[in-house]
């Protein structure tokens, strides 16, 4: 059985890098897309009701927008919740690219200071996993995530049964596939919302690798087996993906959820933003590309989905 479990599919989108991972020894290969005839990526109706958030003009502007949006993710519903979460996501990416703004934003974050710090730590760590940018977009489908109420139940039940913090399971599900939003069109390789390689699924999985409940329980079994007794989070995550940046990034999100469980509501609504060689590209719910496509071709049809040109 391969020691390293996952192929960090959504890591590319959630941390903002597009391919080019430095694979540690023993890390499974990335799945290759199944060759198909080119098609125009399709998008769902949800795109039309969301608007791309504006970039902040300076640190104070960012702090004001971010804290307003973070607070809204605790109470808003429907499109208002999704829009507020999207705003948070875009602003955290912008903030991470401007270290000189951190102190000002943190000082104005009030009761959300630890949450903002957690996001910055997670993004800095996960961004370090990946090294190059691409001028192509991935062969993915982007679908609606599994409902949050079901996921929360699954995380907690699996966590109790296997002695793994539920927040750790949620953080991995978020980093790997955005809570199941990303589905890679591939003939082999990592599969499902927790991104199992076939050999690891054969050893730890039961049921359907694409079913959230089955996949989360398998991940909990794997983490429990690899984390030792008493359970060591870093040791378990290192077995899941042998890169320090991955370990610390996922751990930062898990810690954030332990301190601020309400943050899960917003994270669940984050969009798929893909940092290409031309900057952040929005792949909305409904995006479907059976094979990799050039960013330039995609933007020629959807220019509003380029959310900035900064590639840091």
Protein backbone atom coordinates (compact mmCIF):
# COMPACT_ATOMS: atom_id res chain seq x y z
CA UNK A 1 0.00 0.00 0.00
CA UNK A 2 1.23 3.49 -0.81
CA UNK A 3 2.17 5.39 2.28
CA UNK A 4 0.87 8.75 1.05
CA UNK A 5 -2.88 8.84 0.66
CA UNK A 6 -3.93 11.75 -1.46
CA UNK A 7 -3.20 13.64 -4.64
CA UNK A 8 -4.23 17.09 -3.36
CA UNK A 9 -6.80 17.78 -6.06
CA UNK A 10 -8.55 20.78 -4.53
CA UNK A 11 -5.37 22.05 -2.94
CA UNK A 12 -4.66 23.59 -6.32
CA UNK A 13 -7.81 25.66 -6.15
CA UNK A 14 -8.18 26.37 -2.46
CA UNK A 15 -4.61 27.48 -1.88
CA UNK A 16 -4.39 29.11 -5.24
CA UNK A 17 -1.84 27.18 -7.24
CA UNK A 18 -2.23 25.33 -10.50
CA UNK A 19 -0.14 22.21 -10.73
CA UNK A 20 3.58 21.64 -10.43
CA UNK A 21 3.67 20.04 -7.02
CA UNK A 22 6.99 18.76 -5.81
CA UNK A 23 6.08 15.16 -5.09
CA UNK A 24 7.85 13.73 -2.01
CA UNK A 25 9.27 10.25 -2.39
CA UNK A 26 6.44 7.77 -2.22
CA UNK A 27 3.74 10.33 -3.11
CA UNK A 28 1.20 8.94 -5.58
CA UNK A 29 1.20 10.30 -9.07
CA UNK A 30 -1.40 12.85 -10.08
CA UNK A 31 -4.31 11.34 -11.98
CA UNK A 32 -4.26 12.03 -15.71
CA UNK A 33 -7.45 13.19 -17.46
CA UNK A 34 -9.16 10.79 -19.77
CA UNK A 35 -8.66 11.97 -23.38
CA UNK A 36 -11.91 13.23 -24.84
CA UNK A 37 -13.02 15.57 -27.56
CA UNK A 38 -12.68 19.24 -26.56
CA UNK A 39 -15.83 20.92 -25.39
CA UNK A 40 -16.68 24.36 -24.10
CA UNK A 41 -16.76 24.28 -20.30
CA UNK A 42 -20.34 24.65 -19.17
CA UNK A 43 -21.53 26.54 -16.11
CA UNK A 44 -24.64 26.35 -13.97
CA UNK A 45 -27.26 28.98 -13.27
CA UNK A 46 -25.74 29.77 -9.88
CA UNK A 47 -23.04 31.86 -11.59
CA UNK A 48 -25.57 34.48 -12.63
CA UNK A 49 -26.66 35.27 -9.08
CA UNK A 50 -23.17 35.74 -7.65
CA UNK A 51 -20.99 38.75 -8.35
CA UNK A 52 -17.22 38.80 -8.20
CA UNK A 53 -16.17 40.61 -4.99
CA UNK A 54 -14.14 43.76 -5.40
CA UNK A 55 -10.51 43.91 -4.31
CA UNK A 56 -9.79 46.13 -1.31
CA UNK A 57 -8.04 49.45 -1.88
CA UNK A 58 -5.90 49.24 1.26
CA UNK A 59 -5.60 47.47 4.61
CA UNK A 60 -8.37 49.42 6.32
CA UNK A 61 -10.76 48.85 3.46
CA UNK A 62 -9.95 45.15 3.49
CA UNK A 63 -10.49 44.87 7.23
CA UNK A 64 -13.87 46.59 7.02
CA UNK A 65 -15.07 44.43 4.12
CA UNK A 66 -13.69 41.19 5.58
CA UNK A 67 -15.12 41.51 9.06
CA UNK A 68 -18.53 42.56 7.71
CA UNK A 69 -18.55 39.54 5.40
CA UNK A 70 -17.28 37.11 8.08
CA UNK A 71 -20.02 38.20 10.45
CA UNK A 72 -22.60 37.79 7.68
CA UNK A 73 -21.55 34.17 7.12
CA UNK A 74 -22.77 33.42 10.65
CA UNK A 75 -26.34 34.60 10.05
CA UNK A 76 -27.08 34.99 6.33
CA UNK A 77 -28.85 32.38 4.25
CA UNK A 78 -29.15 31.45 0.61
CA UNK A 79 -27.44 33.66 -1.94
CA UNK A 80 -26.53 36.23 0.73
CA UNK A 81 -24.53 33.58 2.59
CA UNK A 82 -22.78 32.40 -0.57
CA UNK A 83 -21.92 35.97 -1.57
CA UNK A 84 -20.55 36.80 1.88
CA UNK A 85 -18.42 33.64 1.87
CA UNK A 86 -17.13 34.45 -1.63
CA UNK A 87 -16.15 37.92 -0.42
CA UNK A 88 -14.24 36.44 2.53
CA UNK A 89 -12.44 34.01 0.25
CA UNK A 90 -11.29 36.68 -2.22
CA UNK A 91 -10.21 39.03 0.57
CA UNK A 92 -8.20 36.35 2.40
CA UNK A 93 -6.34 35.67 -0.83
CA UNK A 94 -5.64 39.36 -1.26
CA UNK A 95 -4.57 39.76 2.36
CA UNK A 96 -2.15 36.82 2.10
CA UNK A 97 -0.45 38.60 -0.82
CA UNK A 98 0.08 41.76 1.25
CA UNK A 99 2.00 40.91 4.43
CA UNK A 100 2.35 44.60 5.20
CA UNK A 101 -1.40 44.80 5.74
CA UNK A 102 -1.60 41.99 8.29
CA UNK A 103 -1.10 44.01 11.47
CA UNK A 104 -3.68 46.60 10.50
CA UNK A 105 -6.28 44.01 9.56
CA UNK A 106 -5.67 41.90 12.66
CA UNK A 107 -5.90 44.92 14.93
CA UNK A 108 -9.33 45.72 13.46
CA UNK A 109 -10.67 42.15 13.54
CA UNK A 110 -12.12 42.21 17.04
CA UNK A 111 -13.57 38.87 18.13
CA UNK A 112 -12.53 37.37 14.76
CA UNK A 113 -8.80 37.98 15.18
CA UNK A 114 -7.99 34.29 15.79
CA UNK A 115 -10.07 33.31 12.77
CA UNK A 116 -8.20 35.74 10.52
CA UNK A 117 -4.86 34.49 11.88
CA UNK A 118 -5.90 30.92 11.23
CA UNK A 119 -6.75 31.66 7.61
CA UNK A 120 -3.43 33.40 7.06
CA UNK A 121 -1.49 30.51 8.57
CA UNK A 122 -3.38 27.95 6.51
CA UNK A 123 -2.99 29.80 3.26
CA UNK A 124 0.72 30.51 3.77
CA UNK A 125 1.39 26.86 4.59
CA UNK A 126 -0.64 25.31 1.79
CA UNK A 127 0.63 27.77 -0.80
CA UNK A 128 4.12 26.50 -0.04
CA UNK A 129 3.22 22.97 -1.14
CA UNK A 130 3.05 23.98 -4.80
CA UNK A 131 5.74 25.55 -6.92
CA UNK A 132 4.66 26.37 -10.47
CA UNK A 133 1.67 27.91 -12.23
CA UNK A 134 -0.01 26.74 -15.40
CA UNK A 135 -1.62 28.46 -18.37
CA UNK A 136 -4.23 25.69 -18.48
CA UNK A 137 -7.33 24.95 -16.40
CA UNK A 138 -8.02 21.45 -15.04
CA UNK A 139 -10.24 18.67 -16.33
CA UNK A 140 -12.79 18.98 -13.56
CA UNK A 141 -16.46 19.20 -12.87
CA UNK A 142 -17.47 21.67 -10.17
CA UNK A 143 -20.70 20.64 -8.45
CA UNK A 144 -22.72 21.70 -5.46
CA UNK A 145 -21.25 20.41 -2.20
CA UNK A 146 -22.85 17.84 0.04
CA UNK A 147 -25.28 19.69 2.36
CA UNK A 148 -23.55 20.99 5.46
CA UNK A 149 -25.95 19.38 7.94
CA UNK A 150 -25.16 15.94 6.53
CA UNK A 151 -21.42 16.60 6.55
CA UNK A 152 -21.46 17.80 10.16
CA UNK A 153 -23.27 14.63 11.22
CA UNK A 154 -20.84 12.44 9.30
CA UNK A 155 -17.74 14.21 10.67
CA UNK A 156 -18.91 13.93 14.25
CA UNK A 157 -20.02 10.30 14.04
CA UNK A 158 -16.81 9.20 12.30
CA UNK A 159 -14.71 11.21 14.70
CA UNK A 160 -16.33 9.65 17.76
CA UNK A 161 -16.13 6.12 16.38
CA UNK A 162 -12.46 6.29 15.39
CA UNK A 163 -11.05 8.75 17.93
CA UNK A 164 -10.22 11.47 15.42
CA UNK A 165 -11.19 15.15 15.89
CA UNK A 166 -14.15 15.95 13.66
CA UNK A 167 -12.53 19.27 12.78
CA UNK A 168 -9.59 17.42 11.24
CA UNK A 169 -11.90 15.42 8.99
CA UNK A 170 -13.69 18.61 7.93
CA UNK A 171 -10.40 20.38 7.21
CA UNK A 172 -9.16 17.55 4.99
CA UNK A 173 -12.46 17.38 3.11
CA UNK A 174 -12.26 21.14 2.55
CA UNK A 175 -8.66 21.19 1.35
CA UNK A 176 -8.96 18.11 -0.84
CA UNK A 177 -12.17 18.81 -2.78
CA UNK A 178 -13.89 21.86 -1.31
CA UNK A 179 -16.37 19.57 0.52
CA UNK A 180 -16.90 17.55 -2.65
CA UNK A 181 -17.30 20.45 -5.11
CA UNK A 182 -14.39 19.28 -7.25
CA UNK A 183 -14.72 16.08 -9.22
CA UNK A 184 -11.82 15.21 -11.44
CA UNK A 185 -12.59 13.54 -14.74
CA UNK A 186 -9.87 10.90 -14.66
CA UNK A 187 -9.42 7.25 -15.52
CA UNK A 188 -7.17 6.47 -12.54
CA UNK A 189 -5.71 8.03 -9.44
CA UNK A 190 -7.20 9.72 -6.40
CA UNK A 191 -10.95 9.41 -6.05
CA UNK A 192 -13.83 10.81 -4.05
CA UNK A 193 -14.34 13.71 -1.67
CA UNK A 194 -11.41 12.65 0.54
CA UNK A 195 -9.16 11.77 -2.43
CA UNK A 196 -8.18 8.14 -1.89
CA UNK A 197 -5.75 6.28 -4.08
CA UNK A 198 -7.22 2.88 -5.07
CA UNK A 199 -4.79 0.78 -3.02
CA UNK A 200 -5.44 2.81 0.13
CA UNK A 201 -9.18 2.64 -0.40
CA UNK A 202 -8.89 -1.14 -0.74
CA UNK A 203 -7.20 -1.26 2.67
CA UNK A 204 -9.34 1.26 4.59
CA UNK A 205 -12.51 1.87 2.61
CA UNK A 206 -15.94 0.27 2.85
CA UNK A 207 -18.74 1.00 0.42
CA UNK A 208 -18.51 3.74 -2.22
CA UNK A 209 -15.39 5.93 -2.43
CA UNK A 210 -17.56 8.73 -3.87
CA UNK A 211 -20.07 8.64 -1.02
CA UNK A 212 -19.22 11.32 1.60
CA UNK A 213 -20.11 9.11 4.58
CA UNK A 214 -18.10 6.14 3.35
CA UNK A 215 -15.14 8.33 2.37
CA UNK A 216 -15.01 10.28 5.64
CA UNK A 217 -15.19 7.08 7.68
CA UNK A 218 -12.36 5.57 5.65
CA UNK A 219 -10.26 8.70 6.21
CA UNK A 220 -10.97 8.49 9.94
CA UNK A 221 -9.83 4.85 9.99
CA UNK A 222 -6.66 5.73 8.14
CA UNK A 223 -5.84 8.72 10.35
CA UNK A 224 -6.51 6.72 13.53
CA UNK A 225 -4.24 3.94 12.34
CA UNK A 226 -1.45 6.29 11.38
CA UNK A 227 -1.81 8.78 14.23
CA UNK A 228 -0.86 6.35 16.99
CA UNK A 229 -1.99 6.34 20.60
CA UNK A 230 -2.28 8.92 22.00
CA UNK A 231 -3.43 10.40 18.70
CA UNK A 232 -0.81 12.65 17.08
CA UNK A 233 -2.35 15.02 14.54
CA UNK A 234 0.92 15.89 12.81
CA UNK A 235 1.91 12.24 12.50
CA UNK A 236 -1.50 11.32 11.04
CA UNK A 237 -1.44 14.18 8.54
CA UNK A 238 2.11 13.38 7.48
CA UNK A 239 0.91 9.90 6.56
CA UNK A 240 -1.95 11.46 4.61
CA UNK A 241 0.37 13.75 2.64
CA UNK A 242 4.11 13.88 3.19
CA UNK A 243 4.66 17.63 2.96
CA UNK A 244 5.13 19.95 5.91
CA UNK A 245 3.10 22.70 4.24
CA UNK A 246 0.14 20.36 3.83
CA UNK A 247 0.40 19.15 7.41
CA UNK A 248 0.54 22.65 8.87
CA UNK A 249 -2.11 24.04 6.52
CA UNK A 250 -4.71 21.39 7.26
CA UNK A 251 -3.85 21.56 10.94
CA UNK A 252 -4.41 25.34 10.85
CA UNK A 253 -7.89 24.91 9.39
CA UNK A 254 -8.71 22.21 11.95
CA UNK A 255 -7.55 24.48 14.76
CA UNK A 256 -9.58 27.36 13.31
CA UNK A 257 -12.71 25.18 13.39
CA UNK A 258 -11.99 24.09 16.97
CA UNK A 259 -11.80 27.73 18.07
CA UNK A 260 -14.56 29.02 15.80
CA UNK A 261 -16.99 26.25 14.72
CA UNK A 262 -19.15 28.90 13.06
CA UNK A 263 -16.46 29.38 10.42
CA UNK A 264 -17.47 26.07 8.83
CA UNK A 265 -20.67 27.64 7.52
CA UNK A 266 -18.72 30.12 5.42
CA UNK A 267 -16.01 27.71 4.29
CA UNK A 268 -18.68 25.34 3.00
CA UNK A 269 -19.80 28.08 0.58
CA UNK A 270 -16.37 29.04 -0.77
CA UNK A 271 -16.03 29.01 -4.54
CA UNK A 272 -13.37 27.24 -6.58
CA UNK A 273 -10.69 29.81 -7.45
CA UNK A 274 -7.74 28.52 -9.44
CA UNK A 275 -4.48 30.44 -9.43
CA UNK A 276 -3.12 30.12 -12.94
CA UNK A 277 -0.20 31.83 -14.61
CA UNK A 278 -2.67 34.64 -15.36
CA UNK A 279 -3.95 35.01 -11.80
CA UNK A 280 -7.07 33.84 -9.97
CA UNK A 281 -9.68 32.20 -12.21
CA UNK A 282 -13.17 31.53 -10.92
CA UNK A 283 -14.56 28.08 -11.78
CA UNK A 284 -18.19 28.36 -10.68
CA UNK A 285 -20.66 25.65 -9.82
CA UNK A 286 -21.45 24.00 -13.14
CA UNK A 287 -17.95 24.28 -14.61
CA UNK A 288 -17.22 21.17 -16.64
CA UNK A 289 -14.12 20.53 -18.73
CA UNK A 290 -13.54 16.96 -19.94
CA UNK A 291 -9.92 17.85 -20.73
CA UNK A 292 -7.50 20.59 -19.77
CA UNK A 293 -8.14 23.90 -21.54
CA UNK A 294 -6.08 27.04 -22.01
CA UNK A 295 -6.81 29.86 -19.57
CA UNK A 296 -6.79 32.33 -22.48
CA UNK A 297 -9.54 30.38 -24.26
CA UNK A 298 -11.67 30.22 -21.12
CA UNK A 299 -11.28 33.93 -20.40
CA UNK A 300 -12.12 34.84 -23.96
CA UNK A 301 -15.59 33.45 -23.21
CA UNK A 302 -15.78 34.43 -19.53
CA UNK A 303 -13.61 37.54 -18.97
CA UNK A 304 -15.35 38.43 -15.70
CA UNK A 305 -14.05 35.25 -14.10
CA UNK A 306 -10.50 36.53 -13.89
CA UNK A 307 -10.36 37.82 -10.32
CA UNK A 308 -7.04 39.60 -10.35
CA UNK A 309 -3.70 39.04 -12.04
CA UNK A 310 -1.45 38.71 -8.99
CA UNK A 311 0.18 35.26 -8.90
CA UNK A 312 1.78 35.40 -5.46
